Protein backbone atom coordinates (compact mmCIF):
# COMPACT_ATOMS: atom_id res chain seq x y z
CA MET A 1 57.48 134.12 66.90
CA ILE A 2 55.91 132.98 70.16
CA LYS A 3 58.33 131.17 72.47
CA VAL A 4 56.80 128.11 74.05
CA SER A 5 58.23 126.80 77.30
CA ILE A 6 57.56 123.22 78.29
CA LEU A 7 56.75 122.70 81.98
CA ASN A 8 58.49 119.83 83.73
CA LEU A 9 55.47 118.95 85.89
CA PRO A 10 57.17 116.35 88.16
CA PHE A 11 60.06 118.74 88.89
CA PHE A 12 57.61 121.61 89.47
CA ILE A 13 55.59 119.55 91.98
CA TYR A 14 58.80 118.38 93.67
CA ASN A 15 59.94 122.02 94.11
CA LYS A 16 56.58 123.03 95.55
CA LEU A 17 56.67 120.15 98.01
CA LYS A 18 60.24 121.00 98.94
CA LEU A 19 59.42 124.67 99.64
CA SER A 20 56.21 123.95 101.52
CA ARG A 21 57.47 121.05 103.61
CA ASP A 22 56.59 121.37 107.27
CA LYS A 23 59.75 120.93 109.31
CA SER A 24 57.72 119.40 112.13
CA ASN A 25 56.70 116.48 109.87
CA ILE A 26 58.29 113.15 110.63
CA SER A 27 59.47 112.96 107.01
CA SER A 28 61.61 116.06 107.52
CA ARG A 29 63.52 114.39 110.35
CA ILE A 30 63.83 111.11 108.46
CA ILE A 31 65.18 112.95 105.41
CA LYS A 32 67.86 114.57 107.60
CA ILE A 33 68.82 111.14 108.89
CA ALA A 34 68.94 109.86 105.28
CA ILE A 35 71.24 112.74 104.26
CA ILE A 36 73.56 111.96 107.18
CA SER A 37 73.50 108.26 106.22
CA VAL A 38 74.44 109.10 102.63
CA PHE A 39 77.22 111.37 103.87
CA LEU A 40 78.66 108.69 106.15
CA GLY A 41 78.17 105.91 103.58
CA VAL A 42 79.99 107.77 100.81
CA PHE A 43 82.67 109.21 103.10
CA VAL A 44 83.51 105.91 104.80
CA SER A 45 83.49 104.09 101.44
CA LEU A 46 85.84 106.63 99.90
CA CYS A 47 88.16 106.42 102.92
CA SER A 48 88.09 102.61 102.82
CA ILE A 49 89.01 102.49 99.13
CA SER A 50 91.57 105.30 99.40
CA ILE A 51 93.36 103.94 102.47
CA GLY A 52 93.23 100.31 101.33
CA LYS A 53 94.58 101.07 97.86
CA GLY A 54 97.02 103.60 99.31
CA LEU A 55 98.49 100.99 101.64
CA GLN A 56 98.65 98.40 98.86
CA ILE A 57 100.49 100.73 96.48
CA SER A 58 102.82 102.18 99.14
CA ILE A 59 103.83 98.81 100.58
CA LYS A 60 104.42 97.26 97.14
CA ASP A 61 106.33 100.35 96.03
CA LYS A 62 108.62 100.02 99.06
CA LEU A 63 109.14 96.33 98.42
CA TYR A 64 110.07 96.95 94.78
CA SER A 65 112.38 99.83 95.78
CA LEU A 66 114.25 97.77 98.36
CA ASN A 67 114.24 94.49 96.44
CA PRO A 68 114.61 93.36 92.83
CA ASP A 69 111.87 91.42 91.06
CA LEU A 70 114.13 88.35 90.80
CA VAL A 71 117.31 87.21 92.55
CA VAL A 72 119.81 84.73 91.10
CA SER A 73 122.35 83.27 93.50
CA LYS A 74 123.69 79.99 94.85
CA TYR A 75 121.09 77.52 96.12
CA GLU A 76 122.59 77.82 99.59
CA ASN A 77 122.28 81.60 99.45
CA ASN A 78 118.59 81.65 98.58
CA LEU A 79 117.81 79.10 101.28
CA ARG A 80 119.51 81.23 103.93
CA GLY A 81 118.38 84.53 102.49
CA ILE A 82 121.94 85.93 102.49
CA ALA A 83 123.98 85.90 99.28
CA THR A 84 127.54 85.34 100.50
CA GLU A 85 128.85 82.70 98.08
CA LYS A 86 130.54 83.75 94.84
CA ILE A 87 128.73 83.01 91.55
CA ASN A 88 130.90 80.99 89.19
CA ASN A 89 131.01 81.81 85.46
CA ILE A 90 128.96 84.95 86.03
CA ASP A 91 129.65 86.21 82.49
CA GLU A 92 128.07 83.09 81.00
CA VAL A 93 125.03 83.43 83.25
CA ASP A 94 124.70 87.11 82.41
CA PHE A 95 124.96 86.45 78.67
CA GLN A 96 122.22 83.80 78.67
CA ILE A 97 119.86 85.98 80.75
CA ARG A 98 120.35 89.01 78.51
CA ASP A 99 120.02 86.88 75.39
CA ALA A 100 116.67 85.48 76.59
CA HIS A 101 115.36 88.80 77.97
CA PRO A 102 117.24 91.80 76.55
CA ASP A 103 114.82 94.30 78.14
CA LEU A 104 115.59 93.33 81.75
CA LYS A 105 117.60 95.50 84.13
CA ILE A 106 120.47 93.53 85.71
CA GLU A 107 122.52 94.60 88.74
CA TYR A 108 125.27 92.87 90.75
CA LEU A 109 125.69 92.70 94.52
CA ILE A 110 127.64 91.05 97.31
CA GLU A 111 126.26 90.37 100.78
CA LYS A 112 128.55 89.67 103.72
CA PRO A 113 127.96 89.62 107.49
CA THR A 114 129.70 92.33 109.48
CA LEU A 115 129.93 93.72 112.97
CA ILE A 116 129.46 97.47 113.40
CA SER A 117 131.02 99.23 116.38
CA ASN A 118 130.59 102.69 117.88
CA ASN A 119 131.17 103.97 121.41
CA ASN A 120 131.83 100.43 122.70
CA SER A 121 128.48 99.26 121.32
CA PHE A 122 128.18 96.51 118.71
CA GLU A 123 125.52 95.44 116.21
CA SER A 124 125.55 92.49 113.81
CA LEU A 125 124.40 93.43 110.29
CA ILE A 126 124.60 92.36 106.65
CA PHE A 127 126.80 94.51 104.43
CA LYS A 128 124.93 94.88 101.12
CA GLY A 129 127.64 95.74 98.64
CA VAL A 130 126.24 97.22 95.44
CA GLY A 131 127.95 97.39 92.06
CA SER A 132 128.69 100.52 90.07
CA GLU A 133 125.57 100.02 87.90
CA TYR A 134 123.25 99.86 90.93
CA ASP A 135 120.67 102.68 91.01
CA LEU A 136 121.04 104.10 94.52
CA GLN A 137 118.81 107.08 93.77
CA LYS A 138 115.70 104.89 94.04
CA LEU A 139 116.42 104.89 97.77
CA ASN A 140 116.09 108.69 98.02
CA LYS A 141 112.44 108.31 99.09
CA PHE A 142 113.70 106.71 102.31
CA ILE A 143 116.29 109.39 103.12
CA THR A 144 115.25 112.44 105.15
CA ASN A 145 118.42 114.54 105.02
CA SER A 146 120.91 114.84 102.16
CA LYS A 147 119.77 112.95 99.05
CA ILE A 148 121.86 110.51 97.04
CA SER A 149 123.38 112.23 94.02
CA ASP A 150 126.22 109.87 93.08
CA LYS A 151 127.74 106.47 93.82
CA LEU A 152 129.15 105.44 97.18
CA SER A 153 132.93 105.42 97.39
CA ASN A 154 134.77 102.44 98.86
CA ASN A 155 134.84 104.01 102.34
CA GLU A 156 131.23 105.26 102.43
CA ILE A 157 128.14 103.43 103.67
CA MET A 158 124.43 103.98 104.33
CA ILE A 159 122.85 102.79 107.57
CA SER A 160 119.25 102.75 108.81
CA GLY A 161 117.81 105.14 111.33
CA LEU A 162 117.18 102.21 113.68
CA THR A 163 120.87 101.27 113.64
CA ALA A 164 121.91 104.90 114.00
CA ASP A 165 119.69 105.30 117.08
CA LYS A 166 120.91 102.06 118.67
CA LEU A 167 124.57 103.00 118.28
CA ASN A 168 124.18 106.79 118.57
CA ILE A 169 125.60 107.41 115.09
CA GLU A 170 125.12 110.63 113.12
CA GLU A 171 125.38 111.31 109.41
CA GLY A 172 128.99 112.05 108.40
CA GLU A 173 130.45 110.18 111.38
CA ASP A 174 133.23 107.61 110.96
CA ILE A 175 132.59 104.11 112.31
CA ILE A 176 134.41 100.77 112.46
CA LEU A 177 133.26 97.56 110.73
CA TYR A 178 134.64 94.07 111.42
CA PHE A 179 134.72 91.27 108.83
CA GLN A 180 135.60 87.58 109.12
CA THR A 181 137.07 86.50 105.81
CA SER A 182 137.62 82.84 106.73
CA ASN A 183 136.37 80.31 109.28
CA ASN A 184 139.82 79.93 110.84
CA GLN A 185 140.38 83.65 111.22
CA LYS A 186 140.97 84.69 114.85
CA ILE A 187 141.46 88.41 114.35
CA PRO A 188 138.81 90.03 112.10
CA ASN A 189 139.54 92.47 109.32
CA VAL A 190 138.89 96.03 110.45
CA ARG A 191 137.73 98.83 108.16
CA SER A 192 136.73 102.43 108.83
CA TYR A 193 133.74 103.85 106.96
CA SER A 194 132.01 107.20 106.81
CA VAL A 195 128.22 107.27 107.19
CA LYS A 196 127.16 109.04 103.99
CA HIS A 197 123.37 108.69 104.38
CA ILE A 198 120.81 107.46 106.92
CA PHE A 199 117.65 105.81 105.58
CA ASP A 200 114.30 104.80 107.08
CA SER A 201 112.28 102.34 104.98
CA ASP A 202 109.83 101.37 107.78
CA PHE A 203 110.54 97.73 106.89
CA PRO A 204 111.97 96.35 110.16
CA ASP A 205 113.42 93.27 108.44
CA PHE A 206 115.48 95.53 106.19
CA ASP A 207 116.29 98.38 108.58
CA ASP A 208 117.32 96.03 111.41
CA ASN A 209 119.56 93.84 109.28
CA TYR A 210 121.17 95.77 106.42
CA LEU A 211 123.65 98.51 105.71
CA ILE A 212 124.57 99.52 102.16
CA GLY A 213 128.02 100.10 100.77
CA SER A 214 130.24 99.52 97.78
CA ALA A 215 130.73 96.02 96.36
CA GLN A 216 134.30 97.02 95.45
CA SER A 217 135.03 97.47 99.15
CA LEU A 218 133.96 93.88 99.88
CA GLN A 219 135.88 92.59 96.87
CA SER A 220 139.00 94.17 98.32
CA ILE A 221 138.42 92.81 101.83
CA PHE A 222 137.60 89.25 100.72
CA LYS A 223 140.15 89.28 97.90
CA TRP A 224 137.56 88.73 95.15
CA GLY A 225 138.10 89.80 91.56
CA SER A 226 136.48 92.93 90.13
CA ASN A 227 133.94 90.75 88.31
CA ASP A 228 133.09 88.53 91.29
CA TYR A 229 129.64 88.90 92.83
CA SER A 230 127.31 86.75 94.92
CA THR A 231 123.97 87.99 93.58
CA ILE A 232 122.43 88.91 90.25
CA GLU A 233 119.38 91.13 90.79
CA ILE A 234 116.89 91.37 87.93
CA SER A 235 114.12 93.94 87.51
CA SER A 236 111.38 94.20 84.91
CA ASP A 237 109.05 97.07 84.02
CA ASN A 238 106.26 94.55 83.46
CA LYS A 239 105.44 93.20 86.93
CA ALA A 240 102.67 91.00 85.54
CA LYS A 241 105.24 88.83 83.72
CA ILE A 242 107.61 88.24 86.62
CA PHE A 243 106.56 84.62 87.12
CA ASP A 244 106.92 83.92 83.38
CA ILE A 245 110.40 85.47 83.36
CA GLU A 246 111.32 83.48 86.47
CA SER A 247 110.27 80.21 84.80
CA SER A 248 112.18 81.09 81.62
CA ILE A 249 115.43 81.96 83.44
CA ARG A 250 115.17 78.88 85.64
CA GLU A 251 115.43 76.74 82.49
CA LEU A 252 118.70 78.32 81.37
CA PRO A 253 121.57 75.76 81.23
CA SER A 254 124.00 78.04 83.05
CA LEU A 255 121.88 78.06 86.23
CA GLU A 256 121.93 74.30 86.68
CA LYS A 257 125.56 74.10 85.59
CA ASN A 258 126.67 76.59 88.25
CA ASN A 259 124.33 75.42 91.03
CA LEU A 260 122.25 78.59 90.91
CA SER A 261 118.63 79.20 91.81
CA ILE A 262 116.21 82.02 91.14
CA ILE A 263 113.56 83.40 93.46
CA SER A 264 110.97 86.13 92.83
CA ILE A 265 110.03 88.94 95.18
CA MET A 266 106.49 87.49 95.38
CA THR A 267 107.89 84.21 96.68
CA LYS A 268 110.38 85.81 99.04
CA TYR A 269 107.72 88.06 100.57
CA GLU A 270 104.73 85.80 100.00
CA ASN A 271 103.28 86.57 103.43
CA ILE A 272 103.31 90.32 102.78
CA PHE A 273 101.78 90.04 99.31
CA SER A 274 99.10 87.68 100.64
CA TRP A 275 98.33 90.07 103.49
CA VAL A 276 98.12 93.06 101.14
CA SER A 277 95.78 91.19 98.79
CA ILE A 278 93.30 90.76 101.67
CA PHE A 279 92.77 94.53 101.60
CA ASP A 280 90.65 94.14 98.45
CA PHE A 281 88.17 91.90 100.27
CA ASN A 282 87.99 94.28 103.23
CA ILE A 283 87.40 97.23 100.90
CA ILE A 284 84.55 95.43 99.14
CA VAL A 285 82.88 94.39 102.42
CA ILE A 286 83.07 97.87 103.97
CA THR A 287 81.98 99.65 100.78
CA VAL A 288 79.03 97.33 100.11
CA LEU A 289 77.88 97.53 103.73
CA MET A 290 78.04 101.35 103.91
CA VAL A 291 76.40 101.86 100.51
CA PHE A 292 73.65 99.37 101.42
CA ILE A 293 72.90 101.19 104.69
CA ALA A 294 72.79 104.57 102.90
CA ILE A 295 70.48 103.25 100.17
CA ILE A 296 68.12 101.67 102.73
CA SER A 297 67.99 104.97 104.60
CA VAL A 298 67.13 106.91 101.42
CA THR A 299 64.48 104.33 100.49
CA ILE A 300 62.84 104.56 103.92
CA SER A 301 62.74 108.34 103.71
CA ILE A 302 61.05 108.19 100.29
CA PHE A 303 58.52 105.64 101.53
CA THR A 304 57.71 108.03 104.37
CA LEU A 305 57.19 110.85 101.89
CA ILE A 306 54.91 108.63 99.79
CA PHE A 307 52.72 107.79 102.79
CA GLU A 308 52.56 111.45 103.79
CA ARG A 309 51.45 112.39 100.28
CA VAL A 310 48.84 109.69 99.82
CA LYS A 311 46.07 112.21 99.14
CA MET A 312 48.21 114.12 96.66
CA ILE A 313 48.99 110.88 94.83
CA GLY A 314 45.29 110.05 94.71
CA ILE A 315 44.35 113.49 93.33
CA LEU A 316 47.09 113.37 90.68
CA SER A 317 46.07 109.83 89.73
CA SER A 318 42.44 110.87 89.35
CA LEU A 319 43.56 113.76 87.13
CA GLY A 320 45.33 111.31 84.82
CA ALA A 321 48.87 111.24 86.22
CA ASN A 322 50.54 107.97 85.28
CA GLU A 323 53.05 105.90 87.19
CA ALA A 324 56.04 107.45 85.44
CA LEU A 325 55.04 111.01 86.39
CA LEU A 326 54.40 110.10 90.03
CA SER A 327 57.64 108.18 90.24
CA LYS A 328 59.69 111.12 88.89
CA ILE A 329 58.41 113.39 91.69
CA PHE A 330 59.93 111.13 94.31
CA ILE A 331 63.02 110.32 92.22
CA TYR A 332 63.83 114.04 92.28
CA GLN A 333 63.44 113.92 96.05
CA GLY A 334 65.75 110.92 96.22
CA ILE A 335 68.39 112.66 94.06
CA ASP A 336 68.12 115.73 96.30
CA ILE A 337 68.86 113.60 99.38
CA ILE A 338 71.77 111.85 97.63
CA LEU A 339 73.41 115.08 96.45
CA LYS A 340 73.04 116.79 99.85
CA GLY A 341 74.91 113.89 101.43
CA MET A 342 77.30 112.97 98.63
CA ILE A 343 78.75 116.39 97.73
CA PRO A 344 79.82 117.29 101.31
CA ALA A 345 81.18 113.74 101.76
CA ASN A 346 83.43 114.13 98.70
CA ILE A 347 84.60 117.59 99.77
CA VAL A 348 85.42 116.47 103.33
CA PHE A 349 87.17 113.35 102.02
CA ILE A 350 89.41 115.32 99.64
CA ILE A 351 90.29 117.90 102.32
CA ILE A 352 91.16 115.21 104.90
CA SER A 353 93.16 113.23 102.31
CA ILE A 354 95.26 116.23 101.31
CA ILE A 355 95.90 117.23 104.94
CA GLN A 356 96.86 113.65 105.93
CA ASN A 357 99.19 113.14 102.96
CA GLU A 358 100.85 116.48 103.59
CA PHE A 359 101.20 116.49 107.39
CA LYS A 360 100.87 112.74 108.23
CA LEU A 361 98.74 113.40 111.31
CA ILE A 362 97.33 109.86 111.66
CA LYS A 363 100.23 107.57 112.53
CA LEU A 364 100.71 103.83 112.04
CA ASN A 365 103.03 101.32 113.64
CA PRO A 366 105.70 100.45 111.02
CA ASN A 367 106.22 97.05 112.65
CA ASP A 368 102.64 96.13 111.71
CA TYR A 369 101.90 98.13 108.56
CA TYR A 370 105.38 98.94 107.11
CA MET A 371 104.25 102.60 107.05
CA ASP A 372 104.61 105.37 109.63
CA SER A 373 101.33 107.07 108.65
CA ILE A 374 98.08 106.36 106.80
CA PRO A 375 98.45 107.02 103.04
CA PHE A 376 95.39 108.29 101.17
CA LEU A 377 95.20 107.51 97.45
CA ILE A 378 93.34 110.32 95.67
CA ASP A 379 92.33 108.67 92.42
CA PRO A 380 89.74 110.71 90.44
CA LEU A 381 88.62 107.60 88.55
CA LEU A 382 87.93 105.60 91.73
CA ILE A 383 86.11 108.58 93.28
CA PHE A 384 83.96 109.03 90.18
CA LEU A 385 83.17 105.32 89.91
CA LEU A 386 82.09 105.04 93.55
CA ASN A 387 79.81 108.07 93.27
CA PHE A 388 78.38 106.92 89.95
CA ILE A 389 77.70 103.38 91.18
CA PHE A 390 76.10 104.71 94.36
CA VAL A 391 73.77 107.06 92.47
CA LEU A 392 72.93 104.42 89.87
CA MET A 393 72.12 101.76 92.46
CA THR A 394 70.00 104.18 94.48
CA ILE A 395 67.96 105.28 91.47
CA ILE A 396 67.41 101.68 90.35
CA ILE A 397 66.23 100.62 93.82
CA LEU A 398 64.00 103.68 94.15
CA SER A 399 62.49 103.01 90.74
CA PHE A 400 61.39 99.56 91.91
CA THR A 401 60.16 101.13 95.13
CA PHE A 402 57.85 103.46 93.24
CA VAL A 403 55.97 100.48 91.81
CA SER A 404 54.12 100.57 95.11
CA VAL A 405 52.76 104.01 94.17
CA VAL A 406 50.36 102.52 91.62
CA LYS A 407 48.86 100.31 94.32
CA PHE A 408 47.22 103.34 95.86
CA SER A 409 43.73 103.57 94.42
CA PRO A 410 42.82 107.20 93.67
CA ILE A 411 39.38 106.86 95.24
CA ARG A 412 40.83 105.20 98.39
CA ASN A 413 43.51 107.88 98.63
CA LEU A 414 40.97 110.66 98.31
CA ASN A 415 38.74 109.14 100.98
CA SER A 416 41.50 108.42 103.48
């Protein structure tokens, strides 16, 4: 049996043109510029998406780790932002919340102002007393030394790195805390605590203002019962339904009866969530701009090739080549330019992303970005989608560009 091979004529002509191209031609230099433009367009777009999404995810993840989705406390507490007042009939409130939403995670806390002293230096902070059911291990991502493996005892606390630096405190050191249990108290209550862990969340509002300890310790100091707390913190696995859950709990009779209010993390940190949402617009603007520049550069380079090959187009047209065949020749050239710029851009992006995530070479100011370094999100789906959309848009635009090829009359091309 005779094997018949079918010649891909447009690809064959494209290869011949590629091999015989004179490097002194202006098209050769323009093609190099187009390849560089594609490289920069894809690379900058990938970095924009990766950094923007990385910051969004990292900042939200920190917020959700440091704060619950919803906080129930006295109206006065939520207005001041510090939950110091005891919740009355907490069992009734707890029962109604669990009955309405049995899948929610509920934790209890107490917040009280305190004065921390070390080496004749003082700092005013909020003692965040957590109950026995509180998941402290979610804070391990903010701890650089020994990780949290169990609950804090009544004489153990966690302080921030900022506080530790201000007061020259080291992990394991004993320090003194002062508490005022009543307005008429002249001599404060004094307690000694051991610094069990030091954390750094890069959230100045949290690191500058809070230390974490046992709620039982505060209950003992302020003479509260074992079931007395000032805050009910509620978390849900479904973040999309937080506002619906907030509205539902707000309608519970026990909240109005006990002068309680509920506030969501989105409301409490509305400015941060609004700021983070702006990243999406910035990503779109940068990506569209860079892709547009790259596509224009590729289109110009193909136009230059077309004008250089006017006679060839005329000869092929006179021999019966149709628009589709002629267009494919230059589409192959366009794909060649795209791949020569796109593949290195993806490789360089992945290498830089891995190095940055591992060694954190590019730093950020935590006071402005709540992060100490730029986080790169390496999402295969986002990378694939950007590359696919870029190639698709380029081919579509080039296909319309090649309509101009048929305007060249074969006789005029041969005589030019």
